[in-house]
Amino acid sequence: MYKCLVVDDDDTWRTKMSSTLQIYEYYDVVGAKDANEALNKLRSESFDLVLCEIHMQDIDGIELMQQIHREFNLPVALISADNRREVVMNAFSKGAFPVLLKHDGMVNDFKHLWQNVIVWRKRIYDKKGKGKLDPDVGVSSHENVSILSDDEVSSDDE
């Protein structure tokens, strides 16, 4: 099971994202209403993944993500209803892993989010010189792992 911290200052969306992630048996979800609460939770509990809104009051999601990368070395998926190209590209360039868009049918977007944890761990493992990142994964420091819906995943039977 992967422990995920969901950070969003919008109570409705934070609850919606947490509930959506809990549909899948491999997520244990904890919520935080802002960056300060998120950092306190990260300092007191272990997490595998952080899902964070880009546009928040006080500290925005990109700044929080950068602090999480420095202090905890965890993968951070950023999420926003703002789909402007410059916002998404800025998030990727700063290390988001991946950037997801908020929408009502987000269930499939979250289904394979745990794969990012595995790829992140492989990348960190390789940086420490203890292993090699699978070249088929194709993840550099600023690339995202695509999250596939059931319709996009091909089976070996086809």
N, C-alpha and C. Protein backbone atom coordinates (compact mmCIF):
# COMPACT_ATOMS: atom_id res chain seq x y z
N MET A 1 0.85 -1.18 0.00
CA MET A 1 0.00 0.00 0.00
C MET A 1 0.90 1.24 0.00
N TYR A 2 0.52 2.25 -0.78
CA TYR A 2 1.26 3.50 -0.87
C TYR A 2 0.55 4.57 -0.05
N LYS A 3 1.31 5.28 0.75
CA LYS A 3 0.73 6.34 1.56
C LYS A 3 0.89 7.66 0.80
N CYS A 4 -0.24 8.31 0.57
CA CYS A 4 -0.28 9.52 -0.25
C CYS A 4 -0.78 10.69 0.58
N LEU A 5 -0.07 11.81 0.49
CA LEU A 5 -0.50 13.05 1.13
C LEU A 5 -1.14 13.93 0.05
N VAL A 6 -2.41 14.30 0.26
CA VAL A 6 -3.13 15.15 -0.68
C VAL A 6 -3.20 16.56 -0.08
N VAL A 7 -2.64 17.54 -0.82
CA VAL A 7 -2.57 18.92 -0.32
C VAL A 7 -3.38 19.83 -1.24
N ASP A 8 -4.42 20.44 -0.68
CA ASP A 8 -5.25 21.37 -1.44
C ASP A 8 -5.97 22.27 -0.45
N ASP A 9 -5.95 23.58 -0.70
CA ASP A 9 -6.63 24.50 0.21
C ASP A 9 -8.13 24.56 -0.05
N ASP A 10 -8.60 23.89 -1.07
CA ASP A 10 -10.03 23.79 -1.36
C ASP A 10 -10.54 22.49 -0.73
N ASP A 11 -11.34 22.63 0.33
CA ASP A 11 -11.83 21.46 1.07
C ASP A 11 -12.57 20.47 0.17
N THR A 12 -13.38 20.99 -0.73
CA THR A 12 -14.17 20.12 -1.61
C THR A 12 -13.27 19.26 -2.49
N TRP A 13 -12.28 19.90 -3.13
CA TRP A 13 -11.39 19.14 -4.01
C TRP A 13 -10.47 18.21 -3.23
N ARG A 14 -10.01 18.65 -2.05
CA ARG A 14 -9.14 17.78 -1.24
C ARG A 14 -9.90 16.51 -0.86
N THR A 15 -11.15 16.67 -0.45
CA THR A 15 -11.98 15.52 -0.09
C THR A 15 -12.25 14.65 -1.31
N LYS A 16 -12.56 15.29 -2.43
CA LYS A 16 -12.84 14.55 -3.67
C LYS A 16 -11.62 13.74 -4.12
N MET A 17 -10.44 14.36 -4.10
CA MET A 17 -9.23 13.64 -4.52
C MET A 17 -8.90 12.51 -3.56
N SER A 18 -9.05 12.76 -2.26
CA SER A 18 -8.78 11.71 -1.26
C SER A 18 -9.73 10.54 -1.45
N SER A 19 -11.01 10.83 -1.63
CA SER A 19 -12.00 9.77 -1.83
C SER A 19 -11.73 9.00 -3.11
N THR A 20 -11.34 9.71 -4.16
CA THR A 20 -11.05 9.06 -5.43
C THR A 20 -9.85 8.12 -5.30
N LEU A 21 -8.80 8.56 -4.63
CA LEU A 21 -7.63 7.71 -4.43
C LEU A 21 -7.96 6.48 -3.58
N GLN A 22 -8.84 6.64 -2.61
CA GLN A 22 -9.18 5.53 -1.72
C GLN A 22 -10.03 4.46 -2.39
N ILE A 23 -10.53 4.74 -3.58
CA ILE A 23 -11.26 3.72 -4.34
C ILE A 23 -10.34 2.54 -4.61
N TYR A 24 -9.07 2.84 -4.83
CA TYR A 24 -8.09 1.81 -5.13
C TYR A 24 -7.46 1.30 -3.85
N GLU A 25 -7.32 0.03 -3.73
CA GLU A 25 -6.86 -0.60 -2.49
C GLU A 25 -5.41 -0.29 -2.16
N TYR A 26 -4.64 0.23 -3.09
CA TYR A 26 -3.23 0.44 -2.83
C TYR A 26 -2.88 1.85 -2.38
N TYR A 27 -3.87 2.65 -1.96
CA TYR A 27 -3.60 3.99 -1.44
C TYR A 27 -4.14 4.16 -0.03
N ASP A 28 -3.28 4.61 0.88
CA ASP A 28 -3.67 5.08 2.20
C ASP A 28 -3.51 6.59 2.10
N VAL A 29 -4.58 7.36 2.30
CA VAL A 29 -4.57 8.79 1.99
C VAL A 29 -4.72 9.64 3.25
N VAL A 30 -3.91 10.68 3.32
CA VAL A 30 -3.98 11.69 4.38
C VAL A 30 -4.10 13.04 3.69
N GLY A 31 -4.94 13.93 4.22
CA GLY A 31 -5.12 15.25 3.62
C GLY A 31 -4.45 16.35 4.42
N ALA A 32 -4.11 17.44 3.72
CA ALA A 32 -3.57 18.65 4.36
C ALA A 32 -4.16 19.85 3.64
N LYS A 33 -4.54 20.87 4.41
CA LYS A 33 -5.23 22.03 3.83
C LYS A 33 -4.29 23.11 3.30
N ASP A 34 -3.00 23.04 3.66
CA ASP A 34 -2.05 24.03 3.17
C ASP A 34 -0.63 23.49 3.28
N ALA A 35 0.32 24.27 2.81
CA ALA A 35 1.72 23.83 2.78
C ALA A 35 2.27 23.59 4.18
N ASN A 36 1.94 24.45 5.13
CA ASN A 36 2.46 24.28 6.49
C ASN A 36 1.96 22.98 7.11
N GLU A 37 0.68 22.70 6.96
CA GLU A 37 0.14 21.44 7.49
C GLU A 37 0.79 20.26 6.78
N ALA A 38 0.99 20.38 5.47
CA ALA A 38 1.63 19.29 4.71
C ALA A 38 3.04 19.03 5.22
N LEU A 39 3.82 20.08 5.42
CA LEU A 39 5.20 19.91 5.90
C LEU A 39 5.23 19.30 7.30
N ASN A 40 4.30 19.71 8.16
CA ASN A 40 4.22 19.11 9.50
C ASN A 40 3.91 17.62 9.42
N LYS A 41 2.99 17.24 8.54
CA LYS A 41 2.65 15.82 8.38
C LYS A 41 3.83 15.05 7.80
N LEU A 42 4.51 15.64 6.84
CA LEU A 42 5.68 14.98 6.24
C LEU A 42 6.80 14.77 7.26
N ARG A 43 6.90 15.68 8.20
CA ARG A 43 7.95 15.56 9.23
C ARG A 43 7.60 14.55 10.32
N SER A 44 6.31 14.22 10.43
CA SER A 44 5.90 13.31 11.50
C SER A 44 5.45 11.93 11.01
N GLU A 45 5.21 11.79 9.71
CA GLU A 45 4.76 10.52 9.15
C GLU A 45 5.56 10.21 7.89
N SER A 46 5.56 8.94 7.50
CA SER A 46 6.22 8.53 6.25
C SER A 46 5.20 8.49 5.12
N PHE A 47 5.58 9.04 3.97
CA PHE A 47 4.72 9.03 2.79
C PHE A 47 5.51 8.52 1.60
N ASP A 48 4.79 8.00 0.61
CA ASP A 48 5.39 7.54 -0.63
C ASP A 48 5.21 8.53 -1.76
N LEU A 49 4.19 9.38 -1.65
CA LEU A 49 3.79 10.25 -2.76
C LEU A 49 3.04 11.45 -2.20
N VAL A 50 3.20 12.60 -2.85
CA VAL A 50 2.43 13.78 -2.50
C VAL A 50 1.68 14.23 -3.75
N LEU A 51 0.40 14.51 -3.59
CA LEU A 51 -0.45 15.06 -4.65
C LEU A 51 -0.83 16.46 -4.19
N CYS A 52 -0.44 17.49 -4.95
CA CYS A 52 -0.55 18.86 -4.46
C CYS A 52 -1.13 19.80 -5.51
N GLU A 53 -2.06 20.63 -5.10
CA GLU A 53 -2.61 21.69 -5.95
C GLU A 53 -1.52 22.71 -6.26
N ILE A 54 -1.48 23.19 -7.50
CA ILE A 54 -0.49 24.20 -7.88
C ILE A 54 -0.82 25.55 -7.26
N HIS A 55 -2.06 26.00 -7.41
CA HIS A 55 -2.45 27.35 -6.96
C HIS A 55 -3.05 27.29 -5.56
N MET A 56 -2.24 27.64 -4.56
CA MET A 56 -2.72 27.70 -3.18
C MET A 56 -2.32 29.05 -2.59
N GLN A 57 -2.98 29.44 -1.51
CA GLN A 57 -2.62 30.66 -0.78
C GLN A 57 -1.26 30.46 -0.13
N ASP A 58 -0.68 31.48 0.40
CA ASP A 58 0.60 31.44 1.13
C ASP A 58 1.72 30.85 0.27
N ILE A 59 1.93 29.54 0.34
CA ILE A 59 2.98 28.88 -0.44
C ILE A 59 2.29 28.11 -1.56
N ASP A 60 2.69 28.36 -2.82
CA ASP A 60 2.04 27.64 -3.93
C ASP A 60 2.59 26.22 -4.04
N GLY A 61 1.92 25.41 -4.84
CA GLY A 61 2.27 24.01 -4.98
C GLY A 61 3.66 23.77 -5.54
N ILE A 62 4.12 24.63 -6.43
CA ILE A 62 5.46 24.45 -7.01
C ILE A 62 6.53 24.71 -5.96
N GLU A 63 6.36 25.75 -5.18
CA GLU A 63 7.32 26.04 -4.10
C GLU A 63 7.31 24.91 -3.06
N LEU A 64 6.12 24.42 -2.71
CA LEU A 64 6.03 23.31 -1.76
C LEU A 64 6.70 22.07 -2.33
N MET A 65 6.45 21.78 -3.61
CA MET A 65 7.07 20.62 -4.26
C MET A 65 8.59 20.71 -4.18
N GLN A 66 9.15 21.87 -4.46
CA GLN A 66 10.60 22.02 -4.41
C GLN A 66 11.15 21.79 -3.00
N GLN A 67 10.42 22.26 -2.01
CA GLN A 67 10.84 22.03 -0.63
C GLN A 67 10.74 20.54 -0.28
N ILE A 68 9.70 19.88 -0.74
CA ILE A 68 9.54 18.44 -0.49
C ILE A 68 10.67 17.67 -1.16
N HIS A 69 11.02 18.05 -2.38
CA HIS A 69 12.13 17.38 -3.07
C HIS A 69 13.43 17.54 -2.28
N ARG A 70 13.70 18.74 -1.79
CA ARG A 70 14.93 19.00 -1.04
C ARG A 70 14.95 18.26 0.30
N GLU A 71 13.85 18.35 1.02
CA GLU A 71 13.83 17.86 2.40
C GLU A 71 13.48 16.38 2.52
N PHE A 72 12.61 15.87 1.65
CA PHE A 72 12.09 14.51 1.81
C PHE A 72 12.38 13.60 0.63
N ASN A 73 12.78 14.18 -0.50
CA ASN A 73 13.10 13.40 -1.69
C ASN A 73 11.95 12.46 -2.09
N LEU A 74 10.75 13.03 -2.18
CA LEU A 74 9.56 12.27 -2.55
C LEU A 74 9.03 12.74 -3.89
N PRO A 75 8.36 11.84 -4.63
CA PRO A 75 7.70 12.28 -5.86
C PRO A 75 6.49 13.15 -5.52
N VAL A 76 6.31 14.21 -6.29
CA VAL A 76 5.17 15.11 -6.10
C VAL A 76 4.44 15.23 -7.42
N ALA A 77 3.17 14.84 -7.42
CA ALA A 77 2.31 15.05 -8.58
C ALA A 77 1.55 16.35 -8.32
N LEU A 78 1.64 17.28 -9.25
CA LEU A 78 0.91 18.54 -9.11
C LEU A 78 -0.41 18.42 -9.86
N ILE A 79 -1.41 19.09 -9.33
CA ILE A 79 -2.74 19.04 -9.93
C ILE A 79 -3.33 20.44 -9.93
N SER A 80 -4.11 20.73 -10.98
CA SER A 80 -4.72 22.05 -11.08
C SER A 80 -5.84 22.02 -12.11
N ALA A 81 -6.79 22.91 -11.93
CA ALA A 81 -7.81 23.11 -12.95
C ALA A 81 -7.29 24.04 -14.04
N ASP A 82 -6.16 24.67 -13.80
CA ASP A 82 -5.54 25.61 -14.73
C ASP A 82 -4.74 24.83 -15.78
N ASN A 83 -5.25 24.78 -17.00
CA ASN A 83 -4.58 23.98 -18.03
C ASN A 83 -3.77 24.83 -19.01
N ARG A 84 -3.44 26.07 -18.62
CA ARG A 84 -2.63 26.90 -19.51
C ARG A 84 -1.26 26.26 -19.70
N ARG A 85 -0.81 26.25 -20.93
CA ARG A 85 0.46 25.61 -21.28
C ARG A 85 1.62 26.09 -20.42
N GLU A 86 1.71 27.40 -20.20
CA GLU A 86 2.84 27.93 -19.43
C GLU A 86 2.83 27.45 -17.98
N VAL A 87 1.64 27.25 -17.41
CA VAL A 87 1.54 26.74 -16.04
C VAL A 87 2.01 25.30 -15.97
N VAL A 88 1.53 24.49 -16.91
CA VAL A 88 1.90 23.07 -16.94
C VAL A 88 3.39 22.90 -17.23
N MET A 89 3.91 23.64 -18.21
CA MET A 89 5.33 23.51 -18.56
C MET A 89 6.24 24.00 -17.42
N ASN A 90 5.82 25.04 -16.73
CA ASN A 90 6.59 25.52 -15.58
C ASN A 90 6.64 24.44 -14.50
N ALA A 91 5.51 23.80 -14.25
CA ALA A 91 5.47 22.73 -13.24
C ALA A 91 6.41 21.59 -13.62
N PHE A 92 6.37 21.17 -14.89
CA PHE A 92 7.27 20.11 -15.35
C PHE A 92 8.73 20.54 -15.22
N SER A 93 9.03 21.76 -15.62
CA SER A 93 10.42 22.21 -15.59
C SER A 93 10.97 22.30 -14.17
N LYS A 94 10.09 22.45 -13.20
CA LYS A 94 10.52 22.53 -11.79
C LYS A 94 10.56 21.16 -11.13
N GLY A 95 10.13 20.10 -11.86
CA GLY A 95 10.26 18.75 -11.31
C GLY A 95 8.97 18.04 -10.97
N ALA A 96 7.82 18.55 -11.40
CA ALA A 96 6.56 17.85 -11.13
C ALA A 96 6.58 16.49 -11.79
N PHE A 97 5.93 15.55 -11.16
CA PHE A 97 6.05 14.15 -11.58
C PHE A 97 4.76 13.41 -11.35
N PRO A 98 3.71 13.57 -12.09
CA PRO A 98 3.41 14.39 -13.26
C PRO A 98 2.58 15.61 -12.88
N VAL A 99 1.97 16.26 -13.90
CA VAL A 99 0.99 17.32 -13.69
C VAL A 99 -0.34 16.77 -14.18
N LEU A 100 -1.35 16.82 -13.32
CA LEU A 100 -2.68 16.32 -13.67
C LEU A 100 -3.67 17.48 -13.66
N LEU A 101 -4.68 17.39 -14.51
CA LEU A 101 -5.71 18.41 -14.55
C LEU A 101 -6.92 17.95 -13.75
N LYS A 102 -7.46 18.87 -12.94
CA LYS A 102 -8.66 18.57 -12.16
C LYS A 102 -9.85 18.50 -13.11
N HIS A 103 -10.62 17.45 -12.95
CA HIS A 103 -11.88 17.32 -13.67
C HIS A 103 -12.72 16.28 -12.96
N ASP A 104 -13.99 16.26 -13.24
CA ASP A 104 -14.90 15.38 -12.51
C ASP A 104 -14.63 13.90 -12.73
N GLY A 105 -14.08 13.51 -13.86
CA GLY A 105 -13.83 12.10 -14.14
C GLY A 105 -12.40 11.68 -13.89
N MET A 106 -11.82 12.11 -12.77
CA MET A 106 -10.40 11.91 -12.49
C MET A 106 -10.04 10.50 -12.05
N VAL A 107 -11.00 9.63 -11.88
CA VAL A 107 -10.73 8.31 -11.31
C VAL A 107 -9.63 7.59 -12.07
N ASN A 108 -9.71 7.53 -13.38
CA ASN A 108 -8.69 6.81 -14.16
C ASN A 108 -7.33 7.51 -14.11
N ASP A 109 -7.31 8.83 -13.95
CA ASP A 109 -6.04 9.54 -13.84
C ASP A 109 -5.26 9.10 -12.61
N PHE A 110 -5.97 8.79 -11.54
CA PHE A 110 -5.34 8.40 -10.29
C PHE A 110 -5.00 6.92 -10.22
N LYS A 111 -5.65 6.12 -11.04
CA LYS A 111 -5.52 4.67 -10.91
C LYS A 111 -4.07 4.21 -10.98
N HIS A 112 -3.28 4.80 -11.85
CA HIS A 112 -1.90 4.34 -12.05
C HIS A 112 -0.86 5.30 -11.48
N LEU A 113 -1.29 6.22 -10.63
CA LEU A 113 -0.38 7.19 -10.04
C LEU A 113 0.74 6.52 -9.25
N TRP A 114 0.46 5.38 -8.65
CA TRP A 114 1.47 4.65 -7.87
C TRP A 114 2.69 4.28 -8.72
N GLN A 115 2.51 4.15 -10.04
CA GLN A 115 3.64 3.81 -10.90
C GLN A 115 4.72 4.89 -10.84
N ASN A 116 4.31 6.14 -10.61
CA ASN A 116 5.28 7.22 -10.49
C ASN A 116 6.18 7.01 -9.28
N VAL A 117 5.63 6.44 -8.21
CA VAL A 117 6.43 6.17 -7.01
C VAL A 117 7.54 5.18 -7.36
N ILE A 118 7.19 4.14 -8.09
CA ILE A 118 8.16 3.11 -8.46
C ILE A 118 9.25 3.71 -9.34
N VAL A 119 8.87 4.48 -10.34
CA VAL A 119 9.86 5.09 -11.25
C VAL A 119 10.73 6.08 -10.48
N TRP A 120 10.14 6.86 -9.59
CA TRP A 120 10.90 7.82 -8.79
C TRP A 120 11.95 7.08 -7.97
N ARG A 121 11.54 6.00 -7.32
CA ARG A 121 12.48 5.24 -6.49
C ARG A 121 13.61 4.66 -7.34
N LYS A 122 13.30 4.18 -8.53
CA LYS A 122 14.34 3.66 -9.42
C LYS A 122 15.32 4.76 -9.79
N ARG A 123 14.80 5.95 -10.05
CA ARG A 123 15.65 7.07 -10.44
C ARG A 123 16.57 7.47 -9.28
N ILE A 124 16.04 7.53 -8.08
CA ILE A 124 16.85 7.87 -6.90
C ILE A 124 17.89 6.78 -6.66
N TYR A 125 17.47 5.55 -6.80
CA TYR A 125 18.37 4.41 -6.61
C TYR A 125 19.56 4.52 -7.57
N ASP A 126 19.27 4.87 -8.82
CA ASP A 126 20.32 5.01 -9.83
C ASP A 126 21.25 6.17 -9.50
N LYS A 127 20.71 7.28 -9.02
CA LYS A 127 21.54 8.44 -8.68
C LYS A 127 22.51 8.13 -7.55
N LYS A 128 22.14 7.21 -6.68
CA LYS A 128 23.02 6.83 -5.58
C LYS A 128 24.06 5.82 -6.03
N GLY A 129 24.01 5.43 -7.31
CA GLY A 129 25.01 4.53 -7.86
C GLY A 129 24.82 3.08 -7.48
N LYS A 130 23.64 2.73 -7.00
CA LYS A 130 23.40 1.36 -6.54
C LYS A 130 22.69 0.52 -7.59
N GLY A 131 22.27 1.12 -8.63
CA GLY A 131 21.52 0.36 -9.62
C GLY A 131 21.43 1.15 -10.90
N LYS A 132 20.74 0.59 -11.86
CA LYS A 132 20.57 1.27 -13.14
C LYS A 132 19.09 1.45 -13.41
N LEU A 133 18.76 2.62 -13.89
CA LEU A 133 17.39 2.89 -14.29
C LEU A 133 17.11 2.15 -15.58
N ASP A 134 16.01 1.48 -15.66
CA ASP A 134 15.62 0.76 -16.85
C ASP A 134 15.50 1.75 -18.00
N PRO A 135 16.27 1.59 -19.09
CA PRO A 135 16.21 2.56 -20.19
C PRO A 135 14.85 2.61 -20.86
N ASP A 136 14.04 1.57 -20.72
CA ASP A 136 12.71 1.58 -21.31
C ASP A 136 11.77 2.51 -20.57
N VAL A 137 12.09 2.85 -19.32
CA VAL A 137 11.24 3.74 -18.55
C VAL A 137 11.30 5.15 -19.11
N GLY A 138 12.49 5.60 -19.52
CA GLY A 138 12.63 6.88 -20.21
C GLY A 138 12.31 8.09 -19.37
N VAL A 139 12.71 8.11 -18.13
CA VAL A 139 12.41 9.24 -17.27
C VAL A 139 13.69 9.99 -16.95
N SER A 140 13.73 11.27 -17.33
CA SER A 140 14.84 12.11 -16.92
C SER A 140 14.34 12.99 -15.78
N SER A 141 15.15 13.90 -15.34
CA SER A 141 14.77 14.69 -14.16
C SER A 141 13.54 15.56 -14.39
N HIS A 142 13.17 15.82 -15.62
CA HIS A 142 12.01 16.69 -15.83
C HIS A 142 10.94 16.07 -16.72
N GLU A 143 11.00 14.78 -16.92
CA GLU A 143 9.96 14.13 -17.70
C GLU A 143 8.94 13.53 -16.76
N ASN A 144 7.73 13.35 -17.25
CA ASN A 144 6.72 12.71 -16.43
C ASN A 144 6.46 11.30 -16.94
N VAL A 145 5.90 10.49 -16.09
CA VAL A 145 5.48 9.16 -16.48
C VAL A 145 4.02 9.29 -16.87
N SER A 146 3.67 8.80 -18.03
CA SER A 146 2.28 8.93 -18.43
C SER A 146 1.43 8.01 -17.57
N ILE A 147 0.24 8.47 -17.29
CA ILE A 147 -0.70 7.68 -16.51
C ILE A 147 -1.76 7.22 -17.49
N LEU A 148 -1.87 5.93 -17.64
CA LEU A 148 -2.75 5.38 -18.65
C LEU A 148 -4.07 4.95 -18.05
N SER A 149 -5.14 5.20 -18.78
CA SER A 149 -6.43 4.69 -18.36
C SER A 149 -6.53 3.24 -18.82
N ASP A 150 -7.54 2.54 -18.34
CA ASP A 150 -7.73 1.15 -18.73
C ASP A 150 -7.83 1.01 -20.25
N ASP A 151 -8.46 1.99 -20.91
CA ASP A 151 -8.63 1.94 -22.36
C ASP A 151 -7.30 2.07 -23.09
N GLU A 152 -6.32 2.73 -22.47
CA GLU A 152 -5.04 2.97 -23.13
C GLU A 152 -4.02 1.87 -22.87
N VAL A 153 -4.29 1.01 -21.90
CA VAL A 153 -3.35 -0.06 -21.57
C VAL A 153 -3.63 -1.24 -22.48
N SER A 154 -2.60 -1.68 -23.21
CA SER A 154 -2.80 -2.82 -24.09
C SER A 154 -2.51 -4.10 -23.33
N SER A 155 -3.22 -5.14 -23.69
CA SER A 155 -2.98 -6.42 -23.02
C SER A 155 -2.13 -7.29 -23.93
N ASP A 156 -1.48 -8.28 -23.34
CA ASP A 156 -0.63 -9.19 -24.11
C ASP A 156 -1.45 -10.09 -25.02
N ASP A 157 -2.75 -10.19 -24.76
CA ASP A 157 -3.61 -11.08 -25.55
C ASP A 157 -3.95 -10.50 -26.91
N GLU A 158 -3.78 -9.20 -27.07
CA GLU A 158 -4.19 -8.56 -28.33
C GLU A 158 -3.16 -8.72 -29.41
